[in-house]
Amino acid sequence: MEGMADDRYIEVSLAARGIHCTAKLLTDRAPITCATVWNALPLSGDVYHAKYARNEIYALFPPFAEAGSEPPLENPTVTPIPGDLCYFAFAGAELGTKSYGYDREVGPGTTLIDLALFYERNNLLLNGDVGWVPGTVWGEVVEGLPEMAAACNDLWRTGAAGETLSFRRA
């Protein structure tokens, strides 16, 4: 990977499928979010495939920023492109219905962090329950996106049960 010595890279993987890709952190566009995620790595959790945003996989985590320092919205988008890594912080009330399919309690007073990978075109971050959902684009896949996209499509068609989405320093 070409780049300057201060560039940071992570590996994003679907463990059960044995697939991974490499992403570059966008420290120039989302410095606070990148530092927050970098300092929390490695992270791994059950993977979900988006229901509304289309071509997205993601994992949910408890808040991992230092107390009282949740990253602000940086480098925002509502139309992520293939290879974008996005960060979302959701209040439990935003995800608190069974229609989302989560196997955990997500009610008022709960905060969840959503780390997402968008793998194909034509995504729109519009949720019927809450409206527009801008996310912070904090990384971009620079290697392995076609293989990851094929695995994500397989996840959509065959199911996510038993699969994890992991983020670690490369």
N, C-alpha and C. Protein backbone atom coordinates (compact mmCIF):
# COMPACT_ATOMS: atom_id res chain seq x y z
N MET A 1 0.83 -1.18 0.00
CA MET A 1 0.00 0.00 0.00
C MET A 1 0.87 1.23 0.00
N GLU A 2 0.62 2.06 -0.97
CA GLU A 2 1.39 3.29 -1.04
C GLU A 2 0.76 4.32 -0.13
N GLY A 3 1.57 5.16 0.42
CA GLY A 3 1.06 6.22 1.28
C GLY A 3 2.16 6.75 2.14
N MET A 4 1.81 7.77 2.86
CA MET A 4 2.78 8.38 3.74
C MET A 4 2.89 7.56 5.02
N ALA A 5 3.98 7.74 5.73
CA ALA A 5 4.25 6.95 6.93
C ALA A 5 3.18 7.14 8.00
N ASP A 6 2.48 8.28 8.02
CA ASP A 6 1.49 8.51 9.06
C ASP A 6 0.10 8.01 8.68
N ASP A 7 -0.06 7.40 7.51
CA ASP A 7 -1.35 6.81 7.14
C ASP A 7 -1.63 5.63 8.05
N ARG A 8 -2.90 5.46 8.39
CA ARG A 8 -3.30 4.34 9.23
C ARG A 8 -4.25 3.45 8.44
N TYR A 9 -4.07 2.14 8.59
CA TYR A 9 -4.89 1.16 7.88
C TYR A 9 -5.48 0.18 8.88
N ILE A 10 -6.66 -0.31 8.53
CA ILE A 10 -7.28 -1.36 9.32
C ILE A 10 -7.71 -2.50 8.41
N GLU A 11 -7.89 -3.66 9.02
CA GLU A 11 -8.44 -4.81 8.32
C GLU A 11 -9.88 -4.98 8.79
N VAL A 12 -10.78 -5.13 7.83
CA VAL A 12 -12.20 -5.39 8.11
C VAL A 12 -12.46 -6.80 7.62
N SER A 13 -13.05 -7.64 8.47
CA SER A 13 -13.21 -9.03 8.07
C SER A 13 -14.55 -9.63 8.47
N LEU A 14 -14.96 -10.60 7.68
CA LEU A 14 -16.08 -11.48 7.98
C LEU A 14 -15.44 -12.81 8.34
N ALA A 15 -15.41 -13.12 9.63
CA ALA A 15 -14.60 -14.24 10.13
C ALA A 15 -15.02 -15.59 9.58
N ALA A 16 -16.31 -15.93 9.66
CA ALA A 16 -16.76 -17.26 9.23
C ALA A 16 -16.55 -17.48 7.74
N ARG A 17 -16.62 -16.43 6.96
CA ARG A 17 -16.43 -16.54 5.52
C ARG A 17 -14.96 -16.44 5.13
N GLY A 18 -14.09 -16.07 6.08
CA GLY A 18 -12.66 -15.97 5.80
C GLY A 18 -12.32 -14.87 4.80
N ILE A 19 -13.09 -13.79 4.80
CA ILE A 19 -12.89 -12.70 3.84
C ILE A 19 -12.48 -11.44 4.61
N HIS A 20 -11.55 -10.70 4.03
CA HIS A 20 -11.17 -9.42 4.63
C HIS A 20 -10.82 -8.42 3.54
N CYS A 21 -10.84 -7.16 3.94
CA CYS A 21 -10.39 -6.08 3.07
C CYS A 21 -9.59 -5.11 3.93
N THR A 22 -8.87 -4.23 3.27
CA THR A 22 -8.05 -3.24 3.96
C THR A 22 -8.60 -1.86 3.68
N ALA A 23 -8.70 -1.06 4.74
CA ALA A 23 -9.22 0.30 4.61
C ALA A 23 -8.22 1.29 5.17
N LYS A 24 -8.19 2.45 4.55
CA LYS A 24 -7.37 3.56 5.03
C LYS A 24 -8.25 4.48 5.85
N LEU A 25 -7.78 4.87 7.02
CA LEU A 25 -8.51 5.82 7.84
C LEU A 25 -8.39 7.22 7.23
N LEU A 26 -9.48 7.95 7.23
CA LEU A 26 -9.53 9.30 6.66
C LEU A 26 -9.25 10.31 7.76
N THR A 27 -8.03 10.27 8.30
CA THR A 27 -7.67 11.11 9.43
C THR A 27 -7.70 12.60 9.10
N ASP A 28 -7.58 12.94 7.83
CA ASP A 28 -7.63 14.34 7.43
C ASP A 28 -9.07 14.87 7.38
N ARG A 29 -10.05 14.00 7.20
CA ARG A 29 -11.45 14.43 7.07
C ARG A 29 -12.28 14.15 8.32
N ALA A 30 -11.89 13.15 9.10
CA ALA A 30 -12.64 12.77 10.30
C ALA A 30 -11.66 12.43 11.42
N PRO A 31 -10.85 13.39 11.84
CA PRO A 31 -9.78 13.08 12.79
C PRO A 31 -10.25 12.58 14.15
N ILE A 32 -11.32 13.14 14.66
CA ILE A 32 -11.79 12.73 16.00
C ILE A 32 -12.37 11.33 15.95
N THR A 33 -13.17 11.05 14.93
CA THR A 33 -13.77 9.72 14.78
C THR A 33 -12.68 8.68 14.55
N CYS A 34 -11.73 8.98 13.68
CA CYS A 34 -10.64 8.02 13.41
C CYS A 34 -9.86 7.71 14.68
N ALA A 35 -9.54 8.73 15.46
CA ALA A 35 -8.79 8.50 16.70
C ALA A 35 -9.61 7.67 17.68
N THR A 36 -10.90 7.94 17.76
CA THR A 36 -11.77 7.20 18.68
C THR A 36 -11.82 5.73 18.30
N VAL A 37 -12.02 5.44 17.01
CA VAL A 37 -12.09 4.05 16.57
C VAL A 37 -10.72 3.39 16.72
N TRP A 38 -9.67 4.04 16.27
CA TRP A 38 -8.32 3.48 16.34
C TRP A 38 -7.96 3.06 17.76
N ASN A 39 -8.29 3.93 18.72
CA ASN A 39 -7.96 3.65 20.12
C ASN A 39 -8.79 2.51 20.70
N ALA A 40 -9.93 2.20 20.10
CA ALA A 40 -10.80 1.13 20.59
C ALA A 40 -10.51 -0.23 19.96
N LEU A 41 -9.71 -0.26 18.89
CA LEU A 41 -9.45 -1.51 18.17
C LEU A 41 -8.65 -2.48 19.01
N PRO A 42 -8.89 -3.79 18.85
CA PRO A 42 -9.78 -4.44 17.89
C PRO A 42 -11.23 -4.46 18.39
N LEU A 43 -12.16 -4.48 17.44
CA LEU A 43 -13.60 -4.57 17.73
C LEU A 43 -14.19 -5.68 16.87
N SER A 44 -15.10 -6.43 17.45
CA SER A 44 -15.74 -7.50 16.72
C SER A 44 -17.13 -7.72 17.29
N GLY A 45 -18.10 -7.98 16.40
CA GLY A 45 -19.45 -8.21 16.86
C GLY A 45 -20.28 -8.91 15.80
N ASP A 46 -21.47 -9.33 16.20
CA ASP A 46 -22.40 -9.94 15.25
C ASP A 46 -22.62 -9.00 14.09
N VAL A 47 -22.64 -9.54 12.89
CA VAL A 47 -22.86 -8.72 11.71
C VAL A 47 -24.34 -8.69 11.37
N TYR A 48 -24.79 -7.56 10.88
CA TYR A 48 -26.15 -7.38 10.38
C TYR A 48 -26.05 -6.86 8.96
N HIS A 49 -27.04 -7.18 8.15
CA HIS A 49 -27.14 -6.58 6.82
C HIS A 49 -28.24 -5.54 6.89
N ALA A 50 -27.99 -4.36 6.32
CA ALA A 50 -28.95 -3.26 6.39
C ALA A 50 -30.30 -3.66 5.82
N LYS A 51 -31.32 -3.09 6.43
CA LYS A 51 -32.68 -3.32 5.98
C LYS A 51 -33.15 -2.15 5.11
N TYR A 52 -32.71 -0.94 5.43
CA TYR A 52 -33.17 0.26 4.73
C TYR A 52 -32.10 0.88 3.83
N ALA A 53 -30.86 0.87 4.25
CA ALA A 53 -29.81 1.59 3.53
C ALA A 53 -29.29 0.85 2.31
N ARG A 54 -29.71 -0.37 2.10
CA ARG A 54 -29.39 -1.21 0.95
C ARG A 54 -28.11 -2.00 1.12
N ASN A 55 -27.00 -1.54 0.58
CA ASN A 55 -25.79 -2.35 0.45
C ASN A 55 -24.80 -2.07 1.57
N GLU A 56 -25.20 -2.43 2.77
CA GLU A 56 -24.45 -2.11 3.98
C GLU A 56 -24.45 -3.32 4.91
N ILE A 57 -23.28 -3.59 5.50
CA ILE A 57 -23.20 -4.50 6.63
C ILE A 57 -22.66 -3.70 7.80
N TYR A 58 -23.00 -4.12 9.01
CA TYR A 58 -22.56 -3.37 10.18
C TYR A 58 -22.58 -4.25 11.41
N ALA A 59 -21.91 -3.77 12.45
CA ALA A 59 -21.94 -4.38 13.77
C ALA A 59 -22.23 -3.27 14.77
N LEU A 60 -22.87 -3.66 15.87
CA LEU A 60 -23.23 -2.72 16.93
C LEU A 60 -22.35 -2.94 18.14
N PHE A 61 -21.94 -1.83 18.77
CA PHE A 61 -21.05 -1.88 19.92
C PHE A 61 -21.52 -0.93 21.00
N PRO A 62 -21.20 -1.24 22.26
CA PRO A 62 -21.44 -0.23 23.30
C PRO A 62 -20.53 0.96 23.02
N PRO A 63 -20.87 2.13 23.53
CA PRO A 63 -20.00 3.30 23.29
C PRO A 63 -18.57 3.00 23.75
N PHE A 64 -17.60 3.42 22.94
CA PHE A 64 -16.21 3.17 23.29
C PHE A 64 -15.37 4.43 23.33
N ALA A 65 -15.97 5.59 23.09
CA ALA A 65 -15.25 6.85 23.22
C ALA A 65 -15.04 7.13 24.70
N GLU A 66 -14.02 7.93 25.01
CA GLU A 66 -13.83 8.33 26.40
C GLU A 66 -15.09 9.01 26.89
N ALA A 67 -15.41 8.84 28.15
CA ALA A 67 -16.64 9.37 28.73
C ALA A 67 -16.83 10.85 28.36
N GLY A 68 -18.00 11.14 27.83
CA GLY A 68 -18.34 12.53 27.49
C GLY A 68 -17.69 13.06 26.23
N SER A 69 -17.06 12.19 25.42
CA SER A 69 -16.35 12.70 24.25
C SER A 69 -16.77 11.98 22.96
N GLU A 70 -18.05 11.68 22.83
CA GLU A 70 -18.55 11.05 21.61
C GLU A 70 -18.17 11.94 20.42
N PRO A 71 -17.61 11.35 19.35
CA PRO A 71 -17.20 12.18 18.21
C PRO A 71 -18.38 12.95 17.61
N PRO A 72 -18.12 14.18 17.18
CA PRO A 72 -19.16 14.92 16.47
C PRO A 72 -19.30 14.37 15.06
N LEU A 73 -20.32 14.80 14.36
CA LEU A 73 -20.49 14.41 12.97
C LEU A 73 -19.37 15.06 12.15
N GLU A 74 -18.55 14.24 11.51
CA GLU A 74 -17.44 14.72 10.68
C GLU A 74 -17.59 14.07 9.31
N ASN A 75 -17.18 14.76 8.28
CA ASN A 75 -17.20 14.21 6.92
C ASN A 75 -18.53 13.48 6.66
N PRO A 76 -19.65 14.18 6.85
CA PRO A 76 -20.96 13.51 6.82
C PRO A 76 -21.43 13.13 5.43
N THR A 77 -22.26 12.09 5.41
CA THR A 77 -22.92 11.68 4.17
C THR A 77 -24.26 11.05 4.49
N VAL A 78 -25.17 11.12 3.53
CA VAL A 78 -26.40 10.31 3.54
C VAL A 78 -26.44 9.45 2.29
N THR A 79 -25.37 9.51 1.49
CA THR A 79 -25.27 8.71 0.26
C THR A 79 -23.89 8.04 0.19
N PRO A 80 -23.60 7.10 1.08
CA PRO A 80 -22.29 6.45 1.06
C PRO A 80 -22.04 5.70 -0.24
N ILE A 81 -20.78 5.64 -0.62
CA ILE A 81 -20.37 4.96 -1.85
C ILE A 81 -19.65 3.66 -1.51
N PRO A 82 -19.47 2.78 -2.49
CA PRO A 82 -18.78 1.52 -2.22
C PRO A 82 -17.41 1.74 -1.60
N GLY A 83 -17.17 1.02 -0.51
CA GLY A 83 -15.90 1.13 0.19
C GLY A 83 -15.91 2.08 1.37
N ASP A 84 -16.97 2.85 1.55
CA ASP A 84 -17.04 3.76 2.70
C ASP A 84 -17.23 2.99 3.99
N LEU A 85 -16.49 3.40 5.02
CA LEU A 85 -16.73 2.96 6.39
C LEU A 85 -17.40 4.12 7.10
N CYS A 86 -18.52 3.86 7.73
CA CYS A 86 -19.27 4.92 8.41
C CYS A 86 -19.45 4.62 9.88
N TYR A 87 -19.54 5.69 10.66
CA TYR A 87 -19.74 5.64 12.11
C TYR A 87 -21.06 6.32 12.42
N PHE A 88 -21.88 5.63 13.21
CA PHE A 88 -23.15 6.19 13.66
C PHE A 88 -23.26 5.97 15.16
N ALA A 89 -23.81 6.93 15.88
CA ALA A 89 -24.16 6.76 17.29
C ALA A 89 -25.68 6.88 17.36
N PHE A 90 -26.33 5.83 17.86
CA PHE A 90 -27.78 5.80 17.94
C PHE A 90 -28.23 5.75 19.39
N ALA A 91 -29.22 6.57 19.71
CA ALA A 91 -29.92 6.43 20.98
C ALA A 91 -30.80 5.19 20.86
N GLY A 92 -30.92 4.45 21.94
CA GLY A 92 -31.69 3.22 21.91
C GLY A 92 -33.10 3.40 21.38
N ALA A 93 -33.71 4.55 21.64
CA ALA A 93 -35.07 4.79 21.16
C ALA A 93 -35.14 4.79 19.63
N GLU A 94 -34.02 5.07 18.97
CA GLU A 94 -34.00 5.07 17.51
C GLU A 94 -33.99 3.66 16.94
N LEU A 95 -33.52 2.69 17.72
CA LEU A 95 -33.41 1.31 17.26
C LEU A 95 -34.24 0.36 18.12
N GLY A 96 -35.15 0.89 18.89
CA GLY A 96 -35.83 0.11 19.91
C GLY A 96 -37.03 -0.70 19.48
N THR A 97 -37.20 -0.98 18.19
CA THR A 97 -38.33 -1.81 17.78
C THR A 97 -37.84 -3.17 17.30
N LYS A 98 -38.68 -4.17 17.46
CA LYS A 98 -38.32 -5.53 17.04
C LYS A 98 -38.08 -5.62 15.53
N SER A 99 -38.60 -4.66 14.77
CA SER A 99 -38.45 -4.72 13.32
C SER A 99 -36.99 -4.66 12.87
N TYR A 100 -36.10 -4.18 13.74
CA TYR A 100 -34.69 -4.13 13.38
C TYR A 100 -34.02 -5.48 13.52
N GLY A 101 -34.65 -6.41 14.23
CA GLY A 101 -34.13 -7.76 14.32
C GLY A 101 -32.99 -7.97 15.29
N TYR A 102 -32.72 -7.01 16.16
CA TYR A 102 -31.60 -7.16 17.07
C TYR A 102 -31.95 -8.10 18.19
N ASP A 103 -30.95 -8.84 18.66
CA ASP A 103 -31.17 -9.82 19.71
C ASP A 103 -30.77 -9.27 21.08
N ARG A 104 -30.76 -7.97 21.22
CA ARG A 104 -30.42 -7.35 22.50
C ARG A 104 -31.43 -6.26 22.82
N GLU A 105 -31.47 -5.89 24.06
CA GLU A 105 -32.38 -4.84 24.50
C GLU A 105 -31.82 -3.48 24.07
N VAL A 106 -32.57 -2.75 23.31
CA VAL A 106 -32.15 -1.41 22.90
C VAL A 106 -33.32 -0.47 23.18
N GLY A 107 -33.33 0.08 24.36
CA GLY A 107 -34.42 0.96 24.76
C GLY A 107 -33.92 2.35 25.06
N PRO A 108 -34.83 3.22 25.50
CA PRO A 108 -34.43 4.58 25.87
C PRO A 108 -33.30 4.55 26.90
N GLY A 109 -32.36 5.47 26.77
CA GLY A 109 -31.24 5.54 27.68
C GLY A 109 -30.06 4.68 27.26
N THR A 110 -30.23 3.87 26.24
CA THR A 110 -29.15 3.03 25.71
C THR A 110 -28.54 3.74 24.51
N THR A 111 -27.24 3.67 24.38
CA THR A 111 -26.58 4.20 23.18
C THR A 111 -25.84 3.04 22.52
N LEU A 112 -25.94 2.98 21.20
CA LEU A 112 -25.23 1.97 20.43
C LEU A 112 -24.38 2.64 19.37
N ILE A 113 -23.20 2.11 19.15
CA ILE A 113 -22.33 2.58 18.08
C ILE A 113 -22.43 1.58 16.95
N ASP A 114 -22.64 2.08 15.77
CA ASP A 114 -22.80 1.28 14.56
C ASP A 114 -21.59 1.58 13.67
N LEU A 115 -20.77 0.55 13.43
CA LEU A 115 -19.67 0.67 12.47
C LEU A 115 -20.09 -0.10 11.23
N ALA A 116 -20.15 0.61 10.10
CA ALA A 116 -20.72 0.04 8.88
C ALA A 116 -19.73 0.07 7.73
N LEU A 117 -19.91 -0.91 6.85
CA LEU A 117 -19.18 -0.99 5.58
C LEU A 117 -20.21 -0.99 4.46
N PHE A 118 -20.06 -0.08 3.52
CA PHE A 118 -20.92 -0.03 2.34
C PHE A 118 -20.16 -0.67 1.19
N TYR A 119 -20.79 -1.62 0.52
CA TYR A 119 -20.07 -2.44 -0.45
C TYR A 119 -20.54 -2.29 -1.89
N GLU A 120 -21.58 -1.56 -2.13
CA GLU A 120 -22.10 -1.38 -3.49
C GLU A 120 -22.73 0.00 -3.58
N ARG A 121 -23.14 0.38 -4.79
CA ARG A 121 -23.71 1.70 -5.07
C ARG A 121 -25.17 1.80 -4.63
N ASN A 122 -25.71 3.03 -4.78
CA ASN A 122 -27.13 3.34 -4.60
C ASN A 122 -27.62 3.16 -3.17
N ASN A 123 -26.87 3.68 -2.23
CA ASN A 123 -27.26 3.67 -0.82
C ASN A 123 -27.87 5.01 -0.45
N LEU A 124 -28.85 4.98 0.41
CA LEU A 124 -29.51 6.20 0.87
C LEU A 124 -29.83 6.02 2.34
N LEU A 125 -29.27 6.86 3.18
CA LEU A 125 -29.44 6.74 4.62
C LEU A 125 -30.71 7.46 5.07
N LEU A 126 -31.82 6.86 4.72
CA LEU A 126 -33.14 7.38 5.07
C LEU A 126 -33.91 6.25 5.74
N ASN A 127 -34.26 6.45 7.00
CA ASN A 127 -34.95 5.44 7.79
C ASN A 127 -36.40 5.89 7.98
N GLY A 128 -37.33 5.02 7.68
CA GLY A 128 -38.74 5.35 7.78
C GLY A 128 -39.18 5.75 9.17
N ASP A 129 -38.48 5.28 10.21
CA ASP A 129 -38.86 5.61 11.59
C ASP A 129 -38.32 6.96 12.05
N VAL A 130 -37.13 7.33 11.60
CA VAL A 130 -36.49 8.54 12.16
C VAL A 130 -36.08 9.57 11.10
N GLY A 131 -36.17 9.25 9.83
CA GLY A 131 -35.80 10.20 8.77
C GLY A 131 -34.36 10.02 8.32
N TRP A 132 -33.74 11.14 7.92
CA TRP A 132 -32.36 11.11 7.44
C TRP A 132 -31.42 10.70 8.57
N VAL A 133 -30.44 9.88 8.23
CA VAL A 133 -29.48 9.37 9.22
C VAL A 133 -28.07 9.62 8.69
N PRO A 134 -27.56 10.85 8.83
CA PRO A 134 -26.20 11.10 8.34
C PRO A 134 -25.17 10.33 9.17
N GLY A 135 -24.16 9.85 8.48
CA GLY A 135 -23.07 9.14 9.15
C GLY A 135 -21.75 9.80 8.85
N THR A 136 -20.78 9.53 9.69
CA THR A 136 -19.42 10.01 9.48
C THR A 136 -18.66 8.99 8.64
N VAL A 137 -18.13 9.42 7.51
CA VAL A 137 -17.25 8.56 6.71
C VAL A 137 -15.85 8.71 7.29
N TRP A 138 -15.36 7.62 7.90
CA TRP A 138 -14.07 7.68 8.60
C TRP A 138 -13.00 6.79 7.95
N GLY A 139 -13.39 6.02 6.95
CA GLY A 139 -12.42 5.18 6.26
C GLY A 139 -12.90 4.80 4.88
N GLU A 140 -11.94 4.36 4.04
CA GLU A 140 -12.29 3.90 2.70
C GLU A 140 -11.49 2.64 2.38
N VAL A 141 -12.20 1.65 1.84
CA VAL A 141 -11.53 0.40 1.48
C VAL A 141 -10.60 0.66 0.30
N VAL A 142 -9.36 0.23 0.44
CA VAL A 142 -8.36 0.44 -0.60
C VAL A 142 -7.87 -0.86 -1.22
N GLU A 143 -8.27 -1.99 -0.62
CA GLU A 143 -7.84 -3.29 -1.14
C GLU A 143 -8.86 -4.35 -0.72
N GLY A 144 -9.29 -5.18 -1.68
CA GLY A 144 -10.15 -6.31 -1.38
C GLY A 144 -11.64 -6.06 -1.42
N LEU A 145 -12.07 -4.91 -1.97
CA LEU A 145 -13.51 -4.61 -1.99
C LEU A 145 -14.32 -5.60 -2.84
N PRO A 146 -13.87 -6.00 -4.03
CA PRO A 146 -14.69 -6.94 -4.82
C PRO A 146 -14.99 -8.26 -4.08
N GLU A 147 -13.98 -8.81 -3.41
CA GLU A 147 -14.19 -10.05 -2.66
C GLU A 147 -15.11 -9.82 -1.46
N MET A 148 -14.92 -8.70 -0.78
CA MET A 148 -15.78 -8.38 0.36
C MET A 148 -17.22 -8.16 -0.11
N ALA A 149 -17.40 -7.48 -1.24
CA ALA A 149 -18.75 -7.24 -1.76
C ALA A 149 -19.44 -8.56 -2.10
N ALA A 150 -18.72 -9.50 -2.66
CA ALA A 150 -19.31 -10.81 -2.97
C ALA A 150 -19.73 -11.51 -1.68
N ALA A 151 -18.91 -11.43 -0.64
CA ALA A 151 -19.25 -12.04 0.65
C ALA A 151 -20.44 -11.34 1.29
N CYS A 152 -20.52 -10.03 1.15
CA CYS A 152 -21.66 -9.27 1.70
C CYS A 152 -22.95 -9.66 0.98
N ASN A 153 -22.88 -9.82 -0.32
CA ASN A 153 -24.06 -10.24 -1.07
C ASN A 153 -24.48 -11.65 -0.64
N ASP A 154 -23.51 -12.53 -0.40
CA ASP A 154 -23.82 -13.86 0.10
C ASP A 154 -24.48 -13.78 1.47
N LEU A 155 -23.98 -12.89 2.31
CA LEU A 155 -24.56 -12.70 3.63
C LEU A 155 -26.03 -12.27 3.50
N TRP A 156 -26.32 -11.37 2.56
CA TRP A 156 -27.69 -10.91 2.31
C TRP A 156 -28.58 -12.09 1.89
N ARG A 157 -28.07 -12.92 1.00
CA ARG A 157 -28.88 -14.01 0.45
C ARG A 157 -29.01 -15.21 1.39
N THR A 158 -27.94 -15.55 2.12
CA THR A 158 -27.96 -16.78 2.92
C THR A 158 -28.12 -16.53 4.41
N GLY A 159 -27.92 -15.30 4.86
CA GLY A 159 -28.12 -14.98 6.27
C GLY A 159 -26.85 -14.65 7.00
N ALA A 160 -27.03 -13.92 8.09
CA ALA A 160 -25.91 -13.43 8.87
C ALA A 160 -25.66 -14.24 10.14
N ALA A 161 -26.55 -15.15 10.49
CA ALA A 161 -26.42 -15.90 11.73
C ALA A 161 -25.06 -16.60 11.79
N GLY A 162 -24.37 -16.42 12.91
CA GLY A 162 -23.07 -17.06 13.11
C GLY A 162 -21.89 -16.33 12.51
N GLU A 163 -22.13 -15.18 11.87
CA GLU A 163 -21.04 -14.41 11.24
C GLU A 163 -20.71 -13.20 12.10
N THR A 164 -19.44 -12.83 12.12
CA THR A 164 -19.01 -11.64 12.84
C THR A 164 -18.33 -10.67 11.89
N LEU A 165 -18.43 -9.40 12.23
CA LEU A 165 -17.73 -8.33 11.52
C LEU A 165 -16.67 -7.81 12.46
N SER A 166 -15.42 -7.81 12.01
CA SER A 166 -14.30 -7.42 12.86
C SER A 166 -13.50 -6.30 12.24
N PHE A 167 -12.98 -5.45 13.11
CA PHE A 167 -12.13 -4.34 12.73
C PHE A 167 -10.87 -4.44 13.57
N ARG A 168 -9.71 -4.42 12.92
CA ARG A 168 -8.45 -4.45 13.67
C ARG A 168 -7.39 -3.66 12.91
N ARG A 169 -6.37 -3.25 13.64
CA ARG A 169 -5.28 -2.52 13.01
C ARG A 169 -4.55 -3.42 12.03
N ALA A 170 -4.20 -2.87 10.88
CA ALA A 170 -3.47 -3.64 9.87
C ALA A 170 -1.98 -3.41 10.00
